[in-house]
Amino acid sequence: MKNRILLFLFIGFLQLFVSCGTSKSAHHKPDLSGYNSQKPIVVKKSDSVFISGKNSLLKNKQGLWELYAEGDPLEIGLNTGALTDSLLKKQQQIFFSKINDFIPSSFQQRLLRQFLKWYNRKLYLNVPGEYQTEIYGVSEYTSNEFNYIAPKYQRGLYLHGAHDIGHALQDLALVGCTSFAVWNEKTEDGSLILGRNFDFYVNDAFAENKIAAFIKPKEGYPFMMVTWPGMVGAVSGMNLEGLTVTINASKSKIPLIAKTPISILTREILQHAKNIDEAIAIAKKRHVFVSESIMVGSAHDNKAILIEVSPKKMDVYDVPNNDELICSNHFQGDAFKNDRRNQEQIVNSHSEYRFERMQELLTQNPKINPKTASDILRNKNGLKDISLGYGSEKALNQLMAHHGIIFKPKEKLVWVSANPYQLGEFICYDLNAVFNKERNDTLVSLQKENLNIAKDPFLETVAYHDYQKFRIENHKMDDLLEKKETISPEYIQNYQSLNPDYWVVYYKAGLYFYQIKDFQQAKLHFEKALTKEITTAPDKEKIEKYLRKIKRKLQ
């Protein structure tokens, strides 16, 4: 993984010597003329309630922040930044500390800063002015602590490309999402229902302060999206016309220049499209720099389609006379499905497995409603309901999701999961009620509590608490292996007992015994790992390679 990051940085560093034009982008600022640039005054009602005119931020009893902002792009940006001020500073601290974990060397970090200037030199040309302006407004409230990376506004732009880079550098294991849509005969009342898990994982702290943002722009449709402090782009959302967007990564080359971040494209669709045709028209206007599937659901059309995009081409996957649509992390349309990279993704990743598991669960649940949708998103088992262990990337619920979300576009209802992952209560919001509500100094949660979906009972089980312990011990196991320290048999036994159906616990034990040249024990643990459901074909091949080496050593 580190070698791939270093290669990426080195290529960028070399390009610095043969390219120019970074100075203009480094000093670029959006045109703010014609916008209201007055800084908002925030009234703090409590530690969890903040108000600025008609704009507000509230932390509900389930721990989810609810943001409401309205106005022109600068007003929305400034109010969002002012209201989320402390959350924004904390979020950047979390994100950049994670980068420090990936790249601890100060020399490599200097390379990264130079690389970012070069890599993002065209980014501002590919972000519509209204979103540049909104990002600028938010960035006014970010910390000066990270100005050594880039000035506040440029840093805000760079971070909107981080999601795309996470997709391209798949070794970072940031992504692995699954989504579905059903309508007509596949739902209880015939109307469209969509569900998705957003498995963009940085660390636990990154998902602590997730936000259900309700935005009423001067131009375009009012909309909601699930986001985090500082994020203007959309990864999951629905507008007041009942149009939804969600995104799923597909296999990409490492891009050599930033163009339009996917989340900015989907934000534009969310804000300015009322139906599928308008969403497609907007997508055709933009040039992206990674491969992505955008699931678009529409109350007007009562169906969903996939807009599949890459740096070189675009396709629309729309199966006629079908009542369901599934998306994981590979392309399905004619323009992409036979591409070499897409075929590699199907064969070597867990995307196809999750796709088939979703098919299986939709077959088992022929009439979907929001509750059954939540059950599907929370499902932790594999094909034919086998146990995968907890945290497997082959599961729909990998126990790492930033959020789960369910849409019922015709009724303008959306359910957003509270922490942890998608296991907490699914909180319901009615967009008609939210955007028609009279706004005053009395602020209460926007949720429709009577429609909430209860938290997953799994949270109260011994298995869940063991899994939480396992996550701690799994990191510890990695450290012990890296430092080549002695590990007791009792420790290994306890480690494996915390997640006994997960292949990784036997693989890592095998690695330890291989390190200390106890090849008989290594063989036993590697063979035990192979009796479990291995995440990917390359993972399985790695174990089999160790066993071949052991066989030669034991001869």
Protein backbone atom coordinates (compact mmCIF):
# COMPACT_ATOMS: atom_id res chain seq x y z
CA MET A 1 0.00 0.00 0.00
CA LYS A 2 2.74 2.44 1.01
CA ASN A 3 4.67 1.68 -2.19
CA ARG A 4 1.64 2.60 -4.26
CA ILE A 5 1.19 5.88 -2.38
CA LEU A 6 4.87 6.70 -2.81
CA LEU A 7 4.68 5.94 -6.52
CA PHE A 8 1.68 8.23 -6.81
CA LEU A 9 3.54 11.02 -5.01
CA PHE A 10 6.73 10.47 -6.98
CA ILE A 11 4.92 10.74 -10.31
CA GLY A 12 3.39 14.01 -9.16
CA PHE A 13 6.76 15.26 -7.96
CA LEU A 14 8.36 14.54 -11.34
CA GLN A 15 5.56 16.34 -13.11
CA LEU A 16 6.38 19.47 -11.16
CA PHE A 17 9.52 19.82 -13.23
CA VAL A 18 7.73 19.59 -16.57
CA SER A 19 4.51 21.47 -15.89
CA CYS A 20 3.53 24.96 -15.00
CA GLY A 21 0.33 26.83 -14.27
CA THR A 22 0.07 26.00 -10.58
CA SER A 23 0.50 29.61 -9.50
CA LYS A 24 -2.88 30.71 -10.85
CA SER A 25 -4.78 27.88 -9.16
CA ALA A 26 -2.92 28.40 -5.87
CA HIS A 27 -4.11 32.02 -5.72
CA HIS A 28 -7.53 31.58 -7.28
CA LYS A 29 -10.62 32.78 -5.43
CA PRO A 30 -14.23 32.66 -6.67
CA ASP A 31 -15.99 35.81 -7.81
CA LEU A 32 -18.05 36.94 -4.81
CA SER A 33 -19.59 39.99 -6.44
CA GLY A 34 -23.37 40.02 -6.25
CA TYR A 35 -23.45 37.83 -3.14
CA ASN A 36 -24.25 38.77 0.43
CA SER A 37 -20.85 38.61 2.15
CA GLN A 38 -22.03 39.66 5.60
CA LYS A 39 -20.67 37.33 8.26
CA PRO A 40 -23.49 35.59 10.16
CA ILE A 41 -24.01 36.00 13.88
CA VAL A 42 -24.52 32.68 15.63
CA VAL A 43 -26.55 32.44 18.83
CA LYS A 44 -25.59 29.47 20.98
CA LYS A 45 -28.72 28.22 22.74
CA SER A 46 -26.92 25.21 24.25
CA ASP A 47 -24.05 22.87 23.46
CA SER A 48 -26.28 21.19 20.89
CA VAL A 49 -28.41 24.05 19.51
CA PHE A 50 -27.10 26.95 17.39
CA ILE A 51 -29.12 29.53 15.43
CA SER A 52 -28.18 32.16 12.84
CA GLY A 53 -31.27 33.93 11.52
CA LYS A 54 -33.31 31.28 9.70
CA ASN A 55 -30.31 28.94 9.68
CA SER A 56 -29.71 26.42 12.44
CA LEU A 57 -27.76 23.45 13.73
CA LEU A 58 -29.16 20.97 16.26
CA LYS A 59 -27.89 17.68 17.64
CA ASN A 60 -30.85 15.35 18.09
CA LYS A 61 -31.24 12.78 20.87
CA GLN A 62 -29.89 10.03 18.61
CA GLY A 63 -26.63 11.97 18.17
CA LEU A 64 -27.18 13.06 14.56
CA TRP A 65 -26.59 16.73 13.70
CA GLU A 66 -29.41 18.46 11.75
CA LEU A 67 -28.29 21.47 9.70
CA TYR A 68 -30.65 23.88 7.98
CA ALA A 69 -29.22 26.58 5.68
CA GLU A 70 -30.75 28.78 3.01
CA GLY A 71 -29.83 31.63 0.69
CA ASP A 72 -27.34 32.26 -2.11
CA PRO A 73 -24.18 30.12 -2.34
CA LEU A 74 -22.09 32.45 -0.18
CA GLU A 75 -24.82 32.77 2.46
CA ILE A 76 -25.19 28.98 2.59
CA GLY A 77 -21.42 28.54 2.85
CA LEU A 78 -20.92 31.20 5.51
CA ASN A 79 -23.85 30.04 7.61
CA THR A 80 -22.80 26.40 7.32
CA GLY A 81 -19.25 27.28 8.33
CA ALA A 82 -20.31 29.53 11.20
CA LEU A 83 -22.81 27.02 12.61
CA THR A 84 -20.50 24.01 12.32
CA ASP A 85 -17.37 25.95 13.31
CA SER A 86 -16.00 23.66 16.05
CA LEU A 87 -17.12 20.50 14.21
CA LEU A 88 -15.37 21.71 11.07
CA LYS A 89 -12.06 22.25 12.83
CA LYS A 90 -12.32 18.86 14.50
CA GLN A 91 -13.13 17.09 11.23
CA GLN A 92 -10.11 18.48 9.43
CA GLN A 93 -7.94 17.50 12.39
CA ILE A 94 -9.28 13.94 12.14
CA PHE A 95 -8.77 13.72 8.38
CA PHE A 96 -5.26 15.16 8.30
CA SER A 97 -4.14 13.07 11.26
CA LYS A 98 -5.19 10.02 9.21
CA ILE A 99 -3.02 11.28 6.35
CA ASN A 100 -0.14 11.55 8.83
CA ASP A 101 -0.74 7.90 9.75
CA PHE A 102 -0.51 6.90 6.08
CA ILE A 103 2.50 9.13 5.38
CA PRO A 104 4.48 9.66 8.60
CA SER A 105 7.67 10.90 6.94
CA SER A 106 8.07 14.69 6.93
CA PHE A 107 9.90 14.43 3.61
CA GLN A 108 7.03 12.49 2.04
CA GLN A 109 4.59 15.02 3.47
CA ARG A 110 6.49 17.83 1.76
CA LEU A 111 6.25 15.85 -1.45
CA LEU A 112 2.51 15.51 -0.85
CA ARG A 113 2.07 19.28 -0.46
CA GLN A 114 3.92 19.94 -3.70
CA PHE A 115 2.00 17.19 -5.40
CA LEU A 116 -1.36 18.62 -4.31
CA LYS A 117 -0.50 21.98 -5.85
CA TRP A 118 0.33 20.33 -9.15
CA TYR A 119 -2.39 17.69 -9.14
CA ASN A 120 -5.21 20.13 -8.35
CA ARG A 121 -4.03 22.88 -10.68
CA LYS A 122 -7.14 22.51 -12.89
CA LEU A 123 -9.62 21.65 -10.14
CA TYR A 124 -11.08 25.14 -9.85
CA LEU A 125 -11.86 25.12 -13.59
CA ASN A 126 -14.01 22.01 -13.13
CA VAL A 127 -16.07 23.05 -10.10
CA PRO A 128 -19.11 25.22 -10.93
CA GLY A 129 -18.89 28.75 -9.56
CA GLU A 130 -21.78 28.36 -7.14
CA TYR A 131 -20.01 25.48 -5.35
CA GLN A 132 -16.66 27.24 -5.39
CA THR A 133 -18.42 30.12 -3.64
CA GLU A 134 -20.09 27.87 -1.09
CA ILE A 135 -16.79 26.10 -0.37
CA TYR A 136 -15.15 29.51 0.06
CA GLY A 137 -17.80 30.51 2.60
CA VAL A 138 -17.33 27.32 4.60
CA SER A 139 -13.54 27.60 4.42
CA GLU A 140 -13.60 30.97 6.17
CA TYR A 141 -14.26 29.00 9.37
CA THR A 142 -11.61 26.31 8.98
CA SER A 143 -8.49 26.24 11.12
CA ASN A 144 -5.25 28.02 10.26
CA GLU A 145 -3.45 24.97 11.64
CA PHE A 146 -3.25 23.32 8.23
CA ASN A 147 -2.33 26.34 6.12
CA TYR A 148 1.05 24.67 5.54
CA ILE A 149 -0.80 22.18 3.33
CA ALA A 150 -2.70 24.83 1.37
CA PRO A 151 -4.60 28.06 2.06
CA LYS A 152 -8.08 27.58 3.51
CA TYR A 153 -10.09 27.85 0.30
CA GLN A 154 -7.72 25.73 -1.80
CA ARG A 155 -7.65 23.16 1.00
CA GLY A 156 -11.45 23.04 0.95
CA LEU A 157 -11.38 22.36 -2.79
CA TYR A 158 -8.71 19.68 -2.39
CA LEU A 159 -10.75 17.84 0.23
CA HIS A 160 -13.67 17.54 -2.19
CA GLY A 161 -11.41 15.44 -4.39
CA ALA A 162 -10.32 13.22 -1.47
CA HIS A 163 -13.30 10.89 -1.94
CA ASP A 164 -12.30 10.37 -5.58
CA ILE A 165 -8.66 9.74 -4.69
CA GLY A 166 -9.80 7.21 -2.09
CA HIS A 167 -11.55 5.37 -4.91
CA ALA A 168 -8.54 5.43 -7.21
CA LEU A 169 -6.14 4.33 -4.48
CA GLN A 170 -8.24 1.32 -3.54
CA ASP A 171 -5.45 0.01 -1.33
CA LEU A 172 -6.55 2.64 1.20
CA ALA A 173 -9.73 0.59 1.75
CA LEU A 174 -11.89 3.67 2.06
CA VAL A 175 -14.81 2.45 0.02
CA GLY A 176 -17.05 -0.56 -0.80
CA CYS A 177 -20.66 0.58 -1.00
CA THR A 178 -23.85 -1.31 -1.90
CA SER A 179 -27.20 0.17 -2.98
CA PHE A 180 -30.54 -0.97 -4.38
CA ALA A 181 -33.82 0.37 -5.73
CA VAL A 182 -37.18 -1.38 -6.05
CA TRP A 183 -40.53 -0.24 -7.44
CA ASN A 184 -43.85 -1.43 -8.88
CA GLU A 185 -44.34 -5.12 -8.02
CA LYS A 186 -41.30 -5.19 -5.72
CA THR A 187 -42.68 -2.78 -3.08
CA GLU A 188 -45.74 -2.94 -0.84
CA ASP A 189 -47.46 0.08 -2.41
CA GLY A 190 -45.78 0.09 -5.85
CA SER A 191 -43.85 3.29 -5.21
CA LEU A 192 -40.08 3.58 -5.47
CA ILE A 193 -37.88 2.72 -2.46
CA LEU A 194 -34.08 3.02 -2.44
CA GLY A 195 -31.53 1.98 0.16
CA ARG A 196 -27.77 2.27 0.40
CA ASN A 197 -24.80 1.77 2.71
CA PHE A 198 -22.06 4.37 2.34
CA ASP A 199 -18.86 2.59 3.33
CA PHE A 200 -16.43 5.50 3.08
CA TYR A 201 -14.25 4.73 6.07
CA VAL A 202 -11.50 6.98 7.40
CA ASN A 203 -11.77 6.06 11.08
CA ASP A 204 -14.44 5.93 13.78
CA ALA A 205 -13.91 9.55 14.76
CA PHE A 206 -14.58 10.71 11.19
CA ALA A 207 -18.17 9.37 11.36
CA GLU A 208 -18.95 10.69 14.85
CA ASN A 209 -20.30 14.05 13.68
CA LYS A 210 -22.33 13.12 10.64
CA ILE A 211 -24.86 15.69 9.49
CA ALA A 212 -28.31 15.51 7.92
CA ALA A 213 -28.15 18.78 5.97
CA PHE A 214 -31.31 20.48 4.67
CA ILE A 215 -30.45 23.15 2.11
CA LYS A 216 -32.81 25.68 0.54
CA PRO A 217 -30.85 27.42 -2.23
CA LYS A 218 -31.98 30.56 -4.04
CA GLU A 219 -31.56 28.72 -7.33
CA GLY A 220 -32.59 25.09 -7.75
CA TYR A 221 -34.63 22.71 -5.62
CA PRO A 222 -34.48 22.42 -1.83
CA PHE A 223 -32.77 19.17 -0.88
CA MET A 224 -31.31 17.10 1.92
CA MET A 225 -28.05 15.17 2.01
CA VAL A 226 -26.04 13.22 4.55
CA THR A 227 -22.63 14.76 4.94
CA TRP A 228 -19.85 15.68 7.35
CA PRO A 229 -18.43 19.06 8.44
CA GLY A 230 -16.83 20.90 5.52
CA MET A 231 -18.36 18.71 2.80
CA VAL A 232 -20.40 20.63 0.22
CA GLY A 233 -20.64 17.74 -2.26
CA ALA A 234 -23.38 15.11 -2.11
CA VAL A 235 -22.81 11.38 -1.56
CA SER A 236 -26.41 10.51 -0.58
CA GLY A 237 -29.40 12.82 -0.90
CA MET A 238 -32.92 13.63 -2.11
CA ASN A 239 -34.52 16.86 -3.28
CA LEU A 240 -38.05 18.20 -2.86
CA GLU A 241 -39.01 16.87 -6.30
CA GLY A 242 -38.30 13.34 -5.07
CA LEU A 243 -35.06 12.91 -7.03
CA THR A 244 -32.36 10.92 -5.21
CA VAL A 245 -28.63 10.44 -5.78
CA THR A 246 -26.17 7.95 -4.32
CA ILE A 247 -22.68 7.04 -5.53
CA ASN A 248 -20.73 3.78 -5.76
CA ALA A 249 -17.07 3.55 -6.76
CA SER A 250 -15.91 1.46 -9.68
CA LYS A 251 -12.35 0.46 -10.57
CA SER A 252 -10.27 3.41 -11.75
CA LYS A 253 -6.80 4.15 -12.96
CA ILE A 254 -4.81 6.48 -10.75
CA PRO A 255 -5.79 9.84 -12.28
CA LEU A 256 -3.07 12.33 -13.16
CA ILE A 257 -5.15 15.48 -12.93
CA ALA A 258 -8.17 16.52 -10.89
CA LYS A 259 -11.35 17.35 -12.79
CA THR A 260 -14.91 17.50 -11.42
CA PRO A 261 -15.19 15.62 -8.11
CA ILE A 262 -18.02 13.09 -8.23
CA SER A 263 -19.65 14.59 -5.14
CA ILE A 264 -19.81 17.99 -6.84
CA LEU A 265 -21.47 16.46 -9.92
CA THR A 266 -24.03 14.67 -7.75
CA ARG A 267 -24.65 17.85 -5.74
CA GLU A 268 -25.40 19.66 -9.01
CA ILE A 269 -27.81 16.89 -10.03
CA LEU A 270 -29.46 16.95 -6.60
CA GLN A 271 -29.95 20.70 -6.67
CA HIS A 272 -30.91 21.22 -10.31
CA ALA A 273 -32.63 18.07 -11.64
CA LYS A 274 -36.24 17.04 -11.05
CA ASN A 275 -36.24 13.83 -13.11
CA ILE A 276 -33.96 11.25 -14.69
CA ASP A 277 -33.60 13.01 -18.06
CA GLU A 278 -32.44 16.23 -16.38
CA ALA A 279 -29.98 14.28 -14.23
CA ILE A 280 -28.47 12.64 -17.32
CA ALA A 281 -28.20 16.02 -19.10
CA ILE A 282 -26.23 17.49 -16.17
CA ALA A 283 -23.91 14.46 -16.01
CA LYS A 284 -23.10 14.84 -19.72
CA LYS A 285 -21.81 18.38 -19.11
CA ARG A 286 -19.10 17.43 -16.61
CA HIS A 287 -15.74 15.67 -16.91
CA VAL A 288 -14.89 13.45 -13.95
CA PHE A 289 -11.54 11.97 -12.99
CA VAL A 290 -12.51 8.59 -11.53
CA SER A 291 -14.99 5.86 -12.42
CA GLU A 292 -18.27 5.90 -10.55
CA SER A 293 -21.85 4.63 -10.68
CA ILE A 294 -24.43 7.26 -9.78
CA MET A 295 -27.79 5.77 -8.84
CA VAL A 296 -30.56 8.25 -9.61
CA GLY A 297 -34.06 7.58 -8.31
CA SER A 298 -37.03 9.68 -9.37
CA ALA A 299 -40.53 10.10 -7.99
CA HIS A 300 -41.61 11.59 -11.33
CA ASP A 301 -40.41 8.50 -13.21
CA ASN A 302 -41.11 6.01 -10.36
CA LYS A 303 -37.92 4.13 -11.10
CA ALA A 304 -34.14 4.33 -10.80
CA ILE A 305 -31.26 4.17 -13.26
CA LEU A 306 -27.47 4.15 -13.09
CA ILE A 307 -25.36 6.86 -14.69
CA GLU A 308 -21.98 5.19 -15.14
CA VAL A 309 -19.12 7.63 -15.64
CA SER A 310 -15.37 7.48 -16.14
CA PRO A 311 -12.75 9.99 -17.31
CA LYS A 312 -13.23 8.79 -20.89
CA LYS A 313 -16.89 7.87 -21.36
CA MET A 314 -20.37 7.69 -19.87
CA ASP A 315 -23.26 5.24 -20.07
CA VAL A 316 -26.80 5.00 -18.74
CA TYR A 317 -27.84 1.61 -17.38
CA ASP A 318 -31.61 1.39 -17.60
CA VAL A 319 -33.15 -2.08 -17.80
CA PRO A 320 -36.66 -1.87 -19.30
CA ASN A 321 -39.55 -3.81 -17.77
CA ASN A 322 -37.63 -4.39 -14.57
CA ASP A 323 -38.68 -3.53 -11.03
CA GLU A 324 -35.32 -3.56 -9.28
CA LEU A 325 -31.82 -2.16 -9.64
CA ILE A 326 -28.72 -3.21 -7.68
CA CYS A 327 -25.36 -1.49 -7.54
CA SER A 328 -22.12 -2.51 -5.84
CA ASN A 329 -18.68 -1.55 -7.20
CA HIS A 330 -18.60 -2.65 -10.81
CA PHE A 331 -20.20 -1.36 -13.99
CA GLN A 332 -23.15 -3.09 -15.65
CA GLY A 333 -23.86 -1.08 -18.82
CA ASP A 334 -22.75 -2.09 -22.32
CA ALA A 335 -20.18 0.70 -22.58
CA PHE A 336 -18.16 -0.60 -19.62
CA LYS A 337 -19.09 -4.15 -18.64
CA ASN A 338 -16.47 -5.86 -20.84
CA ASP A 339 -13.64 -3.41 -20.09
CA ARG A 340 -10.55 -5.10 -18.69
CA ARG A 341 -10.54 -3.10 -15.45
CA ASN A 342 -14.21 -3.77 -14.85
CA GLN A 343 -13.73 -7.51 -15.41
CA GLU A 344 -10.78 -7.45 -12.98
CA GLN A 345 -13.02 -5.77 -10.43
CA ILE A 346 -15.66 -8.48 -10.80
CA VAL A 347 -13.15 -11.35 -10.55
CA ASN A 348 -10.75 -10.00 -7.92
CA SER A 349 -12.90 -7.94 -5.56
CA HIS A 350 -15.94 -8.57 -3.36
CA SER A 351 -18.25 -6.45 -5.54
CA GLU A 352 -19.92 -9.32 -7.41
CA TYR A 353 -20.42 -11.27 -4.17
CA ARG A 354 -22.28 -8.36 -2.53
CA PHE A 355 -24.30 -7.88 -5.73
CA GLU A 356 -25.42 -11.53 -5.63
CA ARG A 357 -26.18 -11.32 -1.92
CA MET A 358 -28.40 -8.31 -2.55
CA GLN A 359 -30.21 -10.24 -5.29
CA GLU A 360 -30.71 -13.10 -2.85
CA LEU A 361 -32.18 -10.85 -0.14
CA LEU A 362 -34.49 -9.04 -2.56
CA THR A 363 -35.78 -12.44 -3.73
CA GLN A 364 -36.38 -13.49 -0.12
CA ASN A 365 -38.26 -10.21 0.52
CA PRO A 366 -40.58 -9.84 -2.50
CA LYS A 367 -42.46 -6.77 -1.17
CA ILE A 368 -40.09 -4.17 0.25
CA ASN A 369 -41.03 -1.46 2.72
CA PRO A 370 -38.70 0.90 4.65
CA LYS A 371 -38.35 -1.55 7.55
CA THR A 372 -37.37 -4.50 5.36
CA ALA A 373 -35.02 -2.15 3.51
CA SER A 374 -33.27 -1.39 6.82
CA ASP A 375 -33.04 -5.12 7.57
CA ILE A 376 -31.33 -5.69 4.23
CA LEU A 377 -28.85 -2.86 4.77
CA ARG A 378 -28.02 -4.25 8.21
CA ASN A 379 -27.50 -7.84 7.01
CA LYS A 380 -24.10 -9.22 8.02
CA ASN A 381 -24.22 -12.72 6.49
CA GLY A 382 -23.04 -14.07 3.17
CA LEU A 383 -24.65 -15.98 0.32
CA LYS A 384 -27.07 -18.67 1.50
CA ASP A 385 -26.95 -16.92 4.87
CA ILE A 386 -23.52 -18.31 5.80
CA SER A 387 -21.60 -16.59 8.59
CA LEU A 388 -18.77 -14.44 7.25
CA GLY A 389 -17.53 -13.30 10.62
CA TYR A 390 -18.03 -9.64 11.53
CA GLY A 391 -16.40 -6.88 9.48
CA SER A 392 -16.12 -8.87 6.26
CA GLU A 393 -16.11 -6.78 3.10
CA LYS A 394 -18.26 -9.47 1.47
CA ALA A 395 -21.16 -8.48 3.74
CA LEU A 396 -23.67 -5.79 2.83
CA ASN A 397 -23.15 -4.53 6.36
CA GLN A 398 -19.39 -4.41 6.80
CA LEU A 399 -19.71 -2.73 10.21
CA MET A 400 -17.82 0.30 8.95
CA ALA A 401 -20.43 2.41 7.14
CA HIS A 402 -20.41 6.18 7.52
CA HIS A 403 -24.19 5.94 7.13
CA GLY A 404 -27.07 3.90 5.83
CA ILE A 405 -29.95 5.72 4.13
CA ILE A 406 -33.42 4.82 2.79
CA PHE A 407 -35.57 6.95 0.45
CA LYS A 408 -39.28 6.89 -0.35
CA PRO A 409 -39.30 9.63 -3.02
CA LYS A 410 -43.04 9.81 -3.76
CA GLU A 411 -43.76 10.75 -0.14
CA LYS A 412 -40.50 12.78 0.19
CA LEU A 413 -39.48 10.61 3.14
CA VAL A 414 -35.89 9.73 4.01
CA TRP A 415 -34.43 7.62 6.82
CA VAL A 416 -30.86 8.27 8.01
CA SER A 417 -29.01 5.90 10.34
CA ALA A 418 -27.71 7.11 13.67
CA ASN A 419 -24.37 5.78 14.91
CA PRO A 420 -22.88 3.27 15.07
CA TYR A 421 -22.65 2.50 11.36
CA GLN A 422 -26.18 1.65 10.11
CA LEU A 423 -27.04 -0.12 13.36
CA GLY A 424 -28.46 2.90 15.19
CA GLU A 425 -32.03 4.11 14.85
CA PHE A 426 -33.02 5.04 11.29
CA ILE A 427 -34.33 8.59 11.76
CA CYS A 428 -37.15 9.68 9.45
CA TYR A 429 -37.45 13.11 7.86
CA ASP A 430 -40.32 14.44 5.75
CA LEU A 431 -38.91 16.96 3.26
CA ASN A 432 -42.31 18.55 2.73
CA ALA A 433 -42.56 19.25 6.46
CA VAL A 434 -38.94 20.41 6.77
CA PHE A 435 -39.05 22.96 3.98
CA ASN A 436 -42.58 24.21 4.73
CA LYS A 437 -41.86 24.66 8.43
CA GLU A 438 -42.02 28.23 9.77
CA ARG A 439 -38.57 29.02 11.14
CA ASN A 440 -38.17 30.85 14.45
CA ASP A 441 -36.00 30.87 17.58
CA THR A 442 -37.70 27.75 18.95
CA LEU A 443 -35.70 24.87 17.56
CA VAL A 444 -36.67 21.22 17.84
CA SER A 445 -35.57 18.17 15.89
CA LEU A 446 -36.89 17.95 12.33
CA GLN A 447 -37.47 14.18 12.55
CA LYS A 448 -40.84 12.43 12.26
CA GLU A 449 -40.31 10.29 15.33
CA ASN A 450 -43.37 8.11 14.80
CA LEU A 451 -41.88 6.83 11.52
CA ASN A 452 -38.40 6.08 12.89
CA ILE A 453 -37.05 2.53 12.55
CA ALA A 454 -35.70 1.05 15.79
CA LYS A 455 -32.00 0.41 16.29
CA ASP A 456 -30.64 -3.02 15.38
CA PRO A 457 -31.07 -5.54 18.26
CA PHE A 458 -27.57 -6.77 17.35
CA LEU A 459 -26.24 -3.79 19.34
CA GLU A 460 -27.30 -5.49 22.57
CA THR A 461 -25.66 -8.86 21.85
CA VAL A 462 -22.46 -10.41 23.17
CA ALA A 463 -21.37 -10.84 19.55
CA TYR A 464 -21.44 -7.09 18.96
CA HIS A 465 -19.47 -6.34 22.11
CA ASP A 466 -16.96 -9.03 21.17
CA TYR A 467 -16.66 -7.45 17.73
CA GLN A 468 -15.84 -4.09 19.30
CA LYS A 469 -13.11 -5.80 21.34
CA PHE A 470 -11.94 -7.60 18.20
CA ARG A 471 -11.39 -4.33 16.36
CA ILE A 472 -9.04 -3.18 19.12
CA GLU A 473 -7.20 -6.49 19.25
CA ASN A 474 -6.98 -6.65 15.45
CA HIS A 475 -5.05 -3.36 15.36
CA LYS A 476 -2.88 -4.64 18.20
CA MET A 477 -2.22 -7.85 16.26
CA ASP A 478 -1.06 -5.79 13.27
CA ASP A 479 1.36 -3.87 15.50
CA LEU A 480 2.73 -7.06 17.04
CA LEU A 481 3.28 -8.60 13.60
CA GLU A 482 4.94 -5.46 12.26
CA LYS A 483 7.28 -5.22 15.26
CA LYS A 484 7.85 -9.00 15.22
CA GLU A 485 7.13 -9.26 18.92
CA THR A 486 6.35 -12.47 20.78
CA ILE A 487 2.65 -13.36 20.90
CA SER A 488 1.39 -15.81 23.51
CA PRO A 489 -0.84 -18.77 22.60
CA GLU A 490 -3.41 -17.41 25.06
CA TYR A 491 -3.51 -14.09 23.23
CA ILE A 492 -4.03 -15.79 19.87
CA GLN A 493 -6.77 -18.00 21.28
CA ASN A 494 -8.61 -15.01 22.77
CA TYR A 495 -8.15 -12.97 19.57
CA GLN A 496 -9.69 -15.71 17.47
CA SER A 497 -12.55 -16.31 19.90
CA LEU A 498 -13.74 -12.70 19.47
CA ASN A 499 -14.55 -13.22 15.77
CA PRO A 500 -14.33 -16.98 15.14
CA ASP A 501 -15.94 -17.08 11.68
CA TYR A 502 -13.70 -14.39 10.18
CA TRP A 503 -10.86 -15.77 8.08
CA VAL A 504 -8.51 -12.94 9.01
CA VAL A 505 -8.02 -14.15 12.62
CA TYR A 506 -6.54 -17.43 11.37
CA TYR A 507 -4.56 -15.81 8.57
CA LYS A 508 -2.82 -13.39 10.97
CA ALA A 509 -2.07 -16.19 13.41
CA GLY A 510 -0.58 -18.08 10.47
CA LEU A 511 1.58 -15.08 9.63
CA TYR A 512 2.89 -14.98 13.18
CA PHE A 513 3.87 -18.64 13.24
CA TYR A 514 5.43 -18.30 9.78
CA GLN A 515 7.50 -15.36 11.12
CA ILE A 516 8.86 -17.44 14.00
CA LYS A 517 9.42 -20.43 11.68
CA ASP A 518 6.89 -22.68 13.43
CA PHE A 519 5.72 -23.97 10.08
CA GLN A 520 3.46 -26.73 11.41
CA GLN A 521 1.40 -24.20 13.39
CA ALA A 522 1.46 -21.76 10.48
CA LYS A 523 0.12 -24.52 8.21
CA LEU A 524 -2.72 -25.33 10.62
CA HIS A 525 -3.85 -21.70 10.86
CA PHE A 526 -3.57 -21.00 7.13
CA GLU A 527 -5.59 -24.14 6.40
CA LYS A 528 -8.20 -23.05 8.95
CA ALA A 529 -8.41 -19.65 7.22
CA LEU A 530 -9.21 -21.42 3.95
CA THR A 531 -12.23 -23.09 5.56
CA LYS A 532 -13.77 -19.64 6.00
CA GLU A 533 -15.19 -17.30 3.34
CA ILE A 534 -12.14 -15.39 2.08
CA THR A 535 -12.79 -11.79 1.05
CA THR A 536 -11.13 -11.74 -2.39
CA ALA A 537 -9.42 -14.07 -4.85
CA PRO A 538 -6.03 -12.34 -4.31
CA ASP A 539 -6.42 -12.87 -0.53
CA LYS A 540 -7.05 -16.58 -1.06
CA GLU A 541 -4.13 -16.82 -3.46
CA LYS A 542 -1.86 -15.21 -0.86
CA ILE A 543 -2.74 -17.88 1.71
CA GLU A 544 -2.26 -20.68 -0.81
CA LYS A 545 1.15 -19.24 -1.70
CA TYR A 546 2.20 -19.41 1.97
CA LEU A 547 1.06 -23.03 2.14
CA ARG A 548 3.14 -23.90 -0.93
CA LYS A 549 6.18 -22.28 0.70
CA ILE A 550 5.56 -24.21 3.93
CA LYS A 551 5.24 -27.49 2.03
CA ARG A 552 8.67 -26.93 0.47
CA LYS A 553 10.21 -26.02 3.83
CA LEU A 554 8.79 -29.11 5.52
CA GLN A 555 10.03 -31.52 2.84
